[in-house]
Amino acid sequence: VEGEHLVDASAKLKVADRLLKRLRARGSRVLLFSQSTQTLDVLQDYLHLRGWDYERLDGSVRSEERWAAARAFQASSGAAASSSSSSSSGAFVFLLSTRAGGVGLNLTAADTVILYDSDWNPQMDRQAVDRAHRLGQTRPVLVVRLMCTGTVEELIARRAKLKARF
């Protein structure tokens, strides 16, 4: 059953909720990455609860649908940038699986990348962020990594940072 309890059940989703509301108010476009498709399902339910338009891409999406979703997200970039926050002209969020997240896709319509959870391989997160840093990107890109302290996720991020140094 959809409802506010979906947001209240997770501290990370509460933070994401506040962040996404602010980003939507200022007209931003967001790439939201998760390594788990089940987490993407929850995020999809959350976006549906808020009534926000989104696209989704994970390993189960066929090639034709993959390119159509990217084209739709890119094509609506001009309309969304000039519209008010109450307008629903195009997808505000593009949900992507970190591993299946659009190799070769140009998603420069986004000016914000949110890594909802981190991958144990730091290269996967870097490649995810690169989806917004392609040729044709004219705006600075904000990258946000959501992480809970005192969890395995924090340990993974610390080790990934060490791997990235070498």
N, C-alpha and C. Protein backbone atom coordinates (compact mmCIF):
# COMPACT_ATOMS: atom_id res chain seq x y z
N VAL A 1 0.85 -1.18 0.00
CA VAL A 1 0.00 0.00 0.00
C VAL A 1 0.89 1.24 0.00
N GLU A 2 0.63 2.12 -0.96
CA GLU A 2 1.41 3.35 -1.03
C GLU A 2 0.97 4.32 0.06
N GLY A 3 1.91 5.08 0.55
CA GLY A 3 1.63 6.09 1.56
C GLY A 3 2.92 6.64 2.13
N GLU A 4 2.79 7.62 2.99
CA GLU A 4 3.97 8.25 3.60
C GLU A 4 4.81 7.28 4.42
N HIS A 5 4.21 6.17 4.84
CA HIS A 5 4.99 5.18 5.59
C HIS A 5 6.16 4.65 4.78
N LEU A 6 6.05 4.71 3.45
CA LEU A 6 7.15 4.29 2.57
C LEU A 6 8.39 5.15 2.83
N VAL A 7 8.18 6.45 2.96
CA VAL A 7 9.29 7.37 3.22
C VAL A 7 9.75 7.26 4.66
N ASP A 8 8.80 7.15 5.58
CA ASP A 8 9.13 7.12 7.02
C ASP A 8 9.90 5.86 7.44
N ALA A 9 9.84 4.81 6.63
CA ALA A 9 10.48 3.54 6.98
C ALA A 9 12.00 3.56 6.78
N SER A 10 12.53 4.58 6.10
CA SER A 10 13.95 4.60 5.78
C SER A 10 14.52 6.00 5.96
N ALA A 11 15.55 6.10 6.80
CA ALA A 11 16.21 7.39 7.00
C ALA A 11 16.84 7.88 5.71
N LYS A 12 17.39 6.97 4.93
CA LYS A 12 18.01 7.35 3.67
C LYS A 12 16.97 7.89 2.70
N LEU A 13 15.80 7.29 2.67
CA LEU A 13 14.74 7.77 1.78
C LEU A 13 14.19 9.11 2.27
N LYS A 14 14.20 9.34 3.58
CA LYS A 14 13.78 10.65 4.10
C LYS A 14 14.72 11.74 3.60
N VAL A 15 16.01 11.48 3.64
CA VAL A 15 17.00 12.44 3.15
C VAL A 15 16.84 12.63 1.64
N ALA A 16 16.68 11.53 0.92
CA ALA A 16 16.47 11.62 -0.53
C ALA A 16 15.21 12.42 -0.85
N ASP A 17 14.16 12.24 -0.07
CA ASP A 17 12.90 12.95 -0.26
C ASP A 17 13.12 14.46 -0.14
N ARG A 18 13.80 14.88 0.91
CA ARG A 18 14.05 16.32 1.09
C ARG A 18 14.92 16.86 -0.04
N LEU A 19 15.93 16.11 -0.42
CA LEU A 19 16.83 16.53 -1.49
C LEU A 19 16.08 16.64 -2.82
N LEU A 20 15.30 15.62 -3.16
CA LEU A 20 14.58 15.63 -4.43
C LEU A 20 13.54 16.75 -4.50
N LYS A 21 12.90 17.04 -3.39
CA LYS A 21 11.94 18.16 -3.37
C LYS A 21 12.63 19.48 -3.70
N ARG A 22 13.81 19.68 -3.11
CA ARG A 22 14.57 20.91 -3.40
C ARG A 22 15.05 20.95 -4.84
N LEU A 23 15.53 19.83 -5.33
CA LEU A 23 16.02 19.78 -6.70
C LEU A 23 14.88 20.03 -7.69
N ARG A 24 13.73 19.48 -7.42
CA ARG A 24 12.57 19.68 -8.30
C ARG A 24 12.14 21.15 -8.30
N ALA A 25 12.18 21.77 -7.11
CA ALA A 25 11.78 23.18 -7.00
C ALA A 25 12.69 24.09 -7.81
N ARG A 26 13.97 23.73 -7.93
CA ARG A 26 14.88 24.58 -8.69
C ARG A 26 15.01 24.16 -10.16
N GLY A 27 14.22 23.16 -10.57
CA GLY A 27 14.19 22.77 -11.99
C GLY A 27 15.30 21.83 -12.40
N SER A 28 15.90 21.14 -11.48
CA SER A 28 16.98 20.20 -11.80
C SER A 28 16.43 18.92 -12.42
N ARG A 29 17.31 18.20 -13.07
CA ARG A 29 17.01 16.87 -13.62
C ARG A 29 17.99 15.91 -12.96
N VAL A 30 17.53 14.71 -12.59
CA VAL A 30 18.30 13.84 -11.70
C VAL A 30 18.48 12.45 -12.31
N LEU A 31 19.71 11.94 -12.24
CA LEU A 31 20.00 10.53 -12.47
C LEU A 31 20.12 9.90 -11.10
N LEU A 32 19.31 8.89 -10.81
CA LEU A 32 19.29 8.25 -9.50
C LEU A 32 19.71 6.79 -9.66
N PHE A 33 20.90 6.46 -9.15
CA PHE A 33 21.48 5.14 -9.34
C PHE A 33 21.36 4.28 -8.09
N SER A 34 21.09 3.00 -8.30
CA SER A 34 21.15 2.01 -7.24
C SER A 34 21.70 0.73 -7.85
N GLN A 35 22.44 -0.03 -7.07
CA GLN A 35 22.96 -1.28 -7.60
C GLN A 35 21.92 -2.39 -7.54
N SER A 36 20.86 -2.19 -6.77
CA SER A 36 19.82 -3.21 -6.58
C SER A 36 18.55 -2.83 -7.32
N THR A 37 18.05 -3.74 -8.15
CA THR A 37 16.79 -3.47 -8.85
C THR A 37 15.61 -3.48 -7.88
N GLN A 38 15.74 -4.19 -6.78
CA GLN A 38 14.68 -4.16 -5.77
C GLN A 38 14.60 -2.78 -5.11
N THR A 39 15.74 -2.15 -4.91
CA THR A 39 15.74 -0.78 -4.40
C THR A 39 15.13 0.16 -5.42
N LEU A 40 15.43 -0.09 -6.70
CA LEU A 40 14.81 0.72 -7.75
C LEU A 40 13.29 0.57 -7.73
N ASP A 41 12.80 -0.63 -7.41
CA ASP A 41 11.35 -0.84 -7.29
C ASP A 41 10.76 0.05 -6.20
N VAL A 42 11.44 0.12 -5.05
CA VAL A 42 10.98 0.96 -3.94
C VAL A 42 11.03 2.43 -4.35
N LEU A 43 12.12 2.84 -4.99
CA LEU A 43 12.24 4.22 -5.44
C LEU A 43 11.18 4.57 -6.48
N GLN A 44 10.85 3.60 -7.32
CA GLN A 44 9.81 3.80 -8.32
C GLN A 44 8.45 4.01 -7.62
N ASP A 45 8.17 3.22 -6.60
CA ASP A 45 6.95 3.41 -5.81
C ASP A 45 6.94 4.79 -5.15
N TYR A 46 8.08 5.22 -4.65
CA TYR A 46 8.20 6.54 -4.03
C TYR A 46 7.90 7.64 -5.05
N LEU A 47 8.50 7.55 -6.23
CA LEU A 47 8.27 8.57 -7.26
C LEU A 47 6.80 8.59 -7.70
N HIS A 48 6.21 7.42 -7.76
CA HIS A 48 4.78 7.33 -8.09
C HIS A 48 3.95 8.00 -6.99
N LEU A 49 4.32 7.78 -5.74
CA LEU A 49 3.63 8.40 -4.60
C LEU A 49 3.67 9.92 -4.70
N ARG A 50 4.83 10.47 -5.09
CA ARG A 50 4.99 11.91 -5.21
C ARG A 50 4.34 12.46 -6.50
N GLY A 51 4.03 11.58 -7.43
CA GLY A 51 3.44 12.02 -8.69
C GLY A 51 4.44 12.62 -9.65
N TRP A 52 5.71 12.25 -9.50
CA TRP A 52 6.77 12.78 -10.35
C TRP A 52 7.02 11.84 -11.51
N ASP A 53 7.22 12.42 -12.69
CA ASP A 53 7.52 11.63 -13.88
C ASP A 53 8.95 11.12 -13.81
N TYR A 54 9.16 9.92 -14.32
CA TYR A 54 10.48 9.30 -14.29
C TYR A 54 10.62 8.33 -15.45
N GLU A 55 11.85 7.98 -15.73
CA GLU A 55 12.20 6.90 -16.65
C GLU A 55 12.97 5.89 -15.82
N ARG A 56 13.01 4.64 -16.30
CA ARG A 56 13.74 3.61 -15.57
C ARG A 56 14.51 2.75 -16.55
N LEU A 57 15.74 2.41 -16.14
CA LEU A 57 16.57 1.55 -16.96
C LEU A 57 17.32 0.59 -16.03
N ASP A 58 17.12 -0.71 -16.25
CA ASP A 58 17.89 -1.72 -15.52
C ASP A 58 18.16 -2.88 -16.47
N GLY A 59 18.71 -3.95 -15.96
CA GLY A 59 19.11 -5.07 -16.81
C GLY A 59 17.96 -5.77 -17.52
N SER A 60 16.73 -5.58 -17.06
CA SER A 60 15.59 -6.25 -17.69
C SER A 60 14.99 -5.45 -18.84
N VAL A 61 15.46 -4.23 -19.06
CA VAL A 61 14.92 -3.37 -20.11
C VAL A 61 15.56 -3.75 -21.45
N ARG A 62 14.71 -3.96 -22.45
CA ARG A 62 15.21 -4.31 -23.79
C ARG A 62 15.93 -3.12 -24.41
N SER A 63 16.77 -3.41 -25.39
CA SER A 63 17.62 -2.40 -26.02
C SER A 63 16.79 -1.25 -26.61
N GLU A 64 15.71 -1.58 -27.31
CA GLU A 64 14.89 -0.53 -27.93
C GLU A 64 14.29 0.39 -26.86
N GLU A 65 13.81 -0.21 -25.77
CA GLU A 65 13.22 0.58 -24.69
C GLU A 65 14.27 1.43 -23.99
N ARG A 66 15.48 0.90 -23.90
CA ARG A 66 16.60 1.61 -23.27
C ARG A 66 16.87 2.92 -24.00
N TRP A 67 17.00 2.84 -25.32
CA TRP A 67 17.30 4.03 -26.12
C TRP A 67 16.11 4.98 -26.15
N ALA A 68 14.89 4.44 -26.16
CA ALA A 68 13.69 5.28 -26.14
C ALA A 68 13.60 6.07 -24.83
N ALA A 69 13.91 5.41 -23.70
CA ALA A 69 13.87 6.09 -22.40
C ALA A 69 14.91 7.21 -22.35
N ALA A 70 16.11 6.94 -22.87
CA ALA A 70 17.16 7.96 -22.88
C ALA A 70 16.77 9.13 -23.78
N ARG A 71 16.21 8.82 -24.95
CA ARG A 71 15.76 9.89 -25.85
C ARG A 71 14.67 10.74 -25.20
N ALA A 72 13.73 10.09 -24.53
CA ALA A 72 12.64 10.81 -23.88
C ALA A 72 13.17 11.72 -22.77
N PHE A 73 14.13 11.22 -22.01
CA PHE A 73 14.72 12.02 -20.93
C PHE A 73 15.48 13.22 -21.50
N GLN A 74 16.26 12.99 -22.54
CA GLN A 74 17.03 14.05 -23.17
C GLN A 74 16.13 15.07 -23.87
N ALA A 75 15.11 14.59 -24.56
CA ALA A 75 14.23 15.47 -25.34
C ALA A 75 13.45 16.41 -24.46
N SER A 76 13.12 16.00 -23.27
CA SER A 76 12.32 16.85 -22.38
C SER A 76 13.17 17.82 -21.59
N SER A 77 14.49 17.84 -21.83
CA SER A 77 15.37 18.70 -21.03
C SER A 77 15.09 20.17 -21.24
N GLY A 78 14.82 20.59 -22.44
CA GLY A 78 14.55 22.00 -22.70
C GLY A 78 13.26 22.45 -22.07
N ALA A 79 12.23 21.62 -22.17
CA ALA A 79 10.92 21.99 -21.62
C ALA A 79 10.96 22.02 -20.10
N ALA A 80 11.66 21.08 -19.49
CA ALA A 80 11.70 21.01 -18.03
C ALA A 80 12.52 22.15 -17.45
N ALA A 81 13.57 22.56 -18.14
CA ALA A 81 14.41 23.61 -17.61
C ALA A 81 13.68 24.95 -17.57
N SER A 82 12.75 25.16 -18.49
CA SER A 82 12.05 26.44 -18.53
C SER A 82 10.70 26.40 -17.84
N SER A 83 10.29 25.25 -17.35
CA SER A 83 8.97 25.14 -16.73
C SER A 83 9.05 25.37 -15.24
N SER A 84 7.89 25.59 -14.64
CA SER A 84 7.85 25.74 -13.19
C SER A 84 7.90 24.37 -12.53
N SER A 85 8.10 24.36 -11.22
CA SER A 85 8.22 23.09 -10.51
C SER A 85 6.91 22.33 -10.47
N SER A 86 5.79 22.99 -10.70
CA SER A 86 4.51 22.29 -10.67
C SER A 86 4.17 21.67 -12.01
N SER A 87 4.90 22.01 -13.04
CA SER A 87 4.63 21.46 -14.37
C SER A 87 5.22 20.07 -14.48
N SER A 88 4.58 19.25 -15.26
CA SER A 88 5.09 17.88 -15.43
C SER A 88 5.46 17.65 -16.88
N SER A 89 6.35 18.46 -17.42
CA SER A 89 6.76 18.33 -18.81
C SER A 89 8.05 17.54 -18.88
N GLY A 90 7.95 16.25 -18.91
CA GLY A 90 9.12 15.40 -19.01
C GLY A 90 9.51 14.79 -17.69
N ALA A 91 10.40 13.81 -17.78
CA ALA A 91 10.83 13.07 -16.60
C ALA A 91 11.77 13.92 -15.75
N PHE A 92 11.49 13.96 -14.48
CA PHE A 92 12.32 14.67 -13.51
C PHE A 92 13.48 13.78 -13.07
N VAL A 93 13.22 12.47 -12.94
CA VAL A 93 14.22 11.52 -12.46
C VAL A 93 14.38 10.39 -13.46
N PHE A 94 15.63 9.96 -13.64
CA PHE A 94 15.92 8.77 -14.43
C PHE A 94 16.51 7.75 -13.46
N LEU A 95 15.75 6.69 -13.17
CA LEU A 95 16.21 5.60 -12.30
C LEU A 95 17.08 4.67 -13.11
N LEU A 96 18.27 4.36 -12.61
CA LEU A 96 19.18 3.48 -13.33
C LEU A 96 19.83 2.48 -12.39
N SER A 97 20.00 1.28 -12.87
CA SER A 97 20.81 0.30 -12.17
C SER A 97 22.27 0.65 -12.43
N THR A 98 23.08 0.66 -11.39
CA THR A 98 24.49 1.04 -11.54
C THR A 98 25.20 0.16 -12.56
N ARG A 99 24.93 -1.12 -12.55
CA ARG A 99 25.64 -2.04 -13.44
C ARG A 99 25.08 -2.06 -14.85
N ALA A 100 23.77 -1.89 -15.00
CA ALA A 100 23.18 -1.91 -16.34
C ALA A 100 22.85 -0.51 -16.80
N GLY A 101 23.42 0.47 -16.11
CA GLY A 101 22.99 1.85 -16.27
C GLY A 101 23.42 2.57 -17.50
N GLY A 102 23.08 2.10 -18.64
CA GLY A 102 23.18 2.90 -19.85
C GLY A 102 24.58 3.09 -20.38
N VAL A 103 25.31 2.00 -20.57
CA VAL A 103 26.63 2.12 -21.16
C VAL A 103 26.48 2.77 -22.53
N GLY A 104 27.20 3.87 -22.74
CA GLY A 104 27.15 4.58 -24.00
C GLY A 104 26.03 5.59 -24.11
N LEU A 105 25.15 5.67 -23.12
CA LEU A 105 24.06 6.63 -23.18
C LEU A 105 24.56 8.02 -22.81
N ASN A 106 24.06 9.00 -23.51
CA ASN A 106 24.38 10.39 -23.23
C ASN A 106 23.20 10.98 -22.47
N LEU A 107 23.36 11.25 -21.20
CA LEU A 107 22.28 11.76 -20.36
C LEU A 107 22.65 13.13 -19.80
N THR A 108 23.06 14.02 -20.68
CA THR A 108 23.51 15.35 -20.26
C THR A 108 22.36 16.26 -19.85
N ALA A 109 21.12 15.82 -20.00
CA ALA A 109 19.98 16.62 -19.54
C ALA A 109 20.00 16.72 -18.01
N ALA A 110 20.65 15.76 -17.37
CA ALA A 110 20.71 15.75 -15.91
C ALA A 110 21.80 16.69 -15.42
N ASP A 111 21.50 17.39 -14.33
CA ASP A 111 22.51 18.22 -13.70
C ASP A 111 22.81 17.74 -12.28
N THR A 112 22.18 16.62 -11.90
CA THR A 112 22.41 16.04 -10.59
C THR A 112 22.48 14.53 -10.70
N VAL A 113 23.45 13.93 -10.04
CA VAL A 113 23.58 12.47 -9.98
C VAL A 113 23.52 12.08 -8.50
N ILE A 114 22.59 11.17 -8.19
CA ILE A 114 22.48 10.67 -6.83
C ILE A 114 22.81 9.18 -6.84
N LEU A 115 23.82 8.80 -6.06
CA LEU A 115 24.17 7.39 -5.88
C LEU A 115 23.48 6.94 -4.60
N TYR A 116 22.35 6.27 -4.74
CA TYR A 116 21.55 5.88 -3.58
C TYR A 116 22.29 4.86 -2.73
N ASP A 117 22.98 3.95 -3.37
CA ASP A 117 23.86 3.02 -2.66
C ASP A 117 25.10 2.82 -3.50
N SER A 118 26.20 2.50 -2.84
CA SER A 118 27.48 2.40 -3.52
C SER A 118 27.77 0.97 -3.94
N ASP A 119 28.51 0.84 -5.01
CA ASP A 119 28.95 -0.45 -5.50
C ASP A 119 30.30 -0.76 -4.86
N TRP A 120 30.59 -2.03 -4.65
CA TRP A 120 31.88 -2.41 -4.06
C TRP A 120 33.03 -2.09 -4.99
N ASN A 121 32.74 -1.98 -6.28
CA ASN A 121 33.75 -1.64 -7.28
C ASN A 121 33.66 -0.14 -7.55
N PRO A 122 34.67 0.65 -7.18
CA PRO A 122 34.58 2.10 -7.36
C PRO A 122 34.44 2.52 -8.82
N GLN A 123 34.90 1.69 -9.74
CA GLN A 123 34.78 2.03 -11.16
C GLN A 123 33.31 2.08 -11.60
N MET A 124 32.47 1.25 -11.03
CA MET A 124 31.06 1.24 -11.40
C MET A 124 30.39 2.57 -11.03
N ASP A 125 30.71 3.09 -9.85
CA ASP A 125 30.16 4.38 -9.45
C ASP A 125 30.70 5.51 -10.33
N ARG A 126 31.96 5.44 -10.67
CA ARG A 126 32.54 6.46 -11.56
C ARG A 126 31.88 6.44 -12.93
N GLN A 127 31.66 5.24 -13.47
CA GLN A 127 31.00 5.13 -14.77
C GLN A 127 29.57 5.65 -14.68
N ALA A 128 28.91 5.43 -13.55
CA ALA A 128 27.56 5.94 -13.36
C ALA A 128 27.55 7.46 -13.42
N VAL A 129 28.47 8.08 -12.71
CA VAL A 129 28.54 9.54 -12.71
C VAL A 129 28.87 10.07 -14.10
N ASP A 130 29.66 9.34 -14.86
CA ASP A 130 30.04 9.77 -16.20
C ASP A 130 28.87 9.87 -17.17
N ARG A 131 27.73 9.26 -16.83
CA ARG A 131 26.55 9.35 -17.71
C ARG A 131 26.11 10.80 -17.89
N ALA A 132 26.34 11.63 -16.87
CA ALA A 132 25.97 13.04 -16.96
C ALA A 132 27.13 13.91 -17.43
N HIS A 133 28.35 13.39 -17.36
CA HIS A 133 29.53 14.15 -17.78
C HIS A 133 29.95 13.71 -19.18
N ARG A 134 29.14 13.98 -20.14
CA ARG A 134 29.44 13.63 -21.53
C ARG A 134 29.65 14.91 -22.34
N LEU A 135 30.09 14.72 -23.57
CA LEU A 135 30.18 15.86 -24.48
C LEU A 135 28.80 16.49 -24.61
N GLY A 136 28.75 17.77 -24.55
CA GLY A 136 27.48 18.47 -24.66
C GLY A 136 26.94 18.93 -23.33
N GLN A 137 27.55 18.51 -22.22
CA GLN A 137 27.10 18.97 -20.90
C GLN A 137 27.54 20.41 -20.74
N THR A 138 26.60 21.30 -20.50
CA THR A 138 26.91 22.73 -20.41
C THR A 138 26.80 23.28 -18.99
N ARG A 139 26.32 22.46 -18.05
CA ARG A 139 26.13 22.92 -16.68
C ARG A 139 27.00 22.11 -15.72
N PRO A 140 27.31 22.68 -14.57
CA PRO A 140 28.00 21.89 -13.55
C PRO A 140 27.07 20.76 -13.08
N VAL A 141 27.66 19.63 -12.73
CA VAL A 141 26.89 18.47 -12.29
C VAL A 141 27.16 18.24 -10.81
N LEU A 142 26.08 18.21 -10.04
CA LEU A 142 26.16 17.92 -8.61
C LEU A 142 26.09 16.41 -8.43
N VAL A 143 27.05 15.84 -7.69
CA VAL A 143 27.07 14.41 -7.41
C VAL A 143 26.88 14.22 -5.91
N VAL A 144 25.85 13.43 -5.56
CA VAL A 144 25.52 13.18 -4.17
C VAL A 144 25.56 11.67 -3.92
N ARG A 145 26.30 11.26 -2.92
CA ARG A 145 26.36 9.85 -2.52
C ARG A 145 25.68 9.73 -1.16
N LEU A 146 24.56 8.99 -1.11
CA LEU A 146 23.85 8.79 0.15
C LEU A 146 24.44 7.59 0.86
N MET A 147 24.76 7.79 2.15
CA MET A 147 25.38 6.72 2.91
C MET A 147 25.00 6.82 4.38
N CYS A 148 24.75 5.69 5.00
CA CYS A 148 24.45 5.64 6.43
C CYS A 148 25.73 5.31 7.19
N THR A 149 25.96 6.03 8.28
CA THR A 149 27.16 5.77 9.08
C THR A 149 26.98 4.51 9.91
N GLY A 150 28.10 3.88 10.18
CA GLY A 150 28.09 2.69 11.02
C GLY A 150 27.50 1.46 10.35
N THR A 151 27.53 1.42 9.03
CA THR A 151 26.96 0.29 8.29
C THR A 151 28.02 -0.37 7.41
N VAL A 152 27.68 -1.49 6.85
CA VAL A 152 28.56 -2.17 5.91
C VAL A 152 28.80 -1.27 4.70
N GLU A 153 27.79 -0.51 4.34
CA GLU A 153 27.90 0.42 3.22
C GLU A 153 29.05 1.41 3.43
N GLU A 154 29.21 1.90 4.64
CA GLU A 154 30.30 2.82 4.94
C GLU A 154 31.65 2.12 4.80
N LEU A 155 31.73 0.89 5.25
CA LEU A 155 32.96 0.11 5.13
C LEU A 155 33.30 -0.12 3.65
N ILE A 156 32.30 -0.45 2.85
CA ILE A 156 32.51 -0.66 1.40
C ILE A 156 33.03 0.62 0.76
N ALA A 157 32.44 1.76 1.11
CA ALA A 157 32.86 3.04 0.53
C ALA A 157 34.30 3.38 0.93
N ARG A 158 34.65 3.10 2.18
CA ARG A 158 36.01 3.37 2.64
C ARG A 158 37.02 2.51 1.87
N ARG A 159 36.70 1.23 1.69
CA ARG A 159 37.60 0.34 0.95
C ARG A 159 37.67 0.71 -0.52
N ALA A 160 36.54 1.13 -1.08
CA ALA A 160 36.52 1.56 -2.49
C ALA A 160 37.41 2.79 -2.68
N LYS A 161 37.39 3.70 -1.69
CA LYS A 161 38.22 4.88 -1.76
C LYS A 161 39.70 4.49 -1.74
N LEU A 162 40.06 3.51 -0.92
CA LEU A 162 41.44 3.03 -0.89
C LEU A 162 41.83 2.39 -2.22
N LYS A 163 40.91 1.62 -2.80
CA LYS A 163 41.19 1.00 -4.11
C LYS A 163 41.43 2.06 -5.17
N ALA A 164 40.67 3.13 -5.11
CA ALA A 164 40.76 4.17 -6.13
C ALA A 164 42.09 4.93 -6.09
N ARG A 165 42.74 4.90 -4.92
CA ARG A 165 44.02 5.60 -4.81
C ARG A 165 45.14 4.93 -5.58
N PHE A 166 45.05 3.62 -5.72
CA PHE A 166 46.14 2.88 -6.35
C PHE A 166 45.92 2.69 -7.81
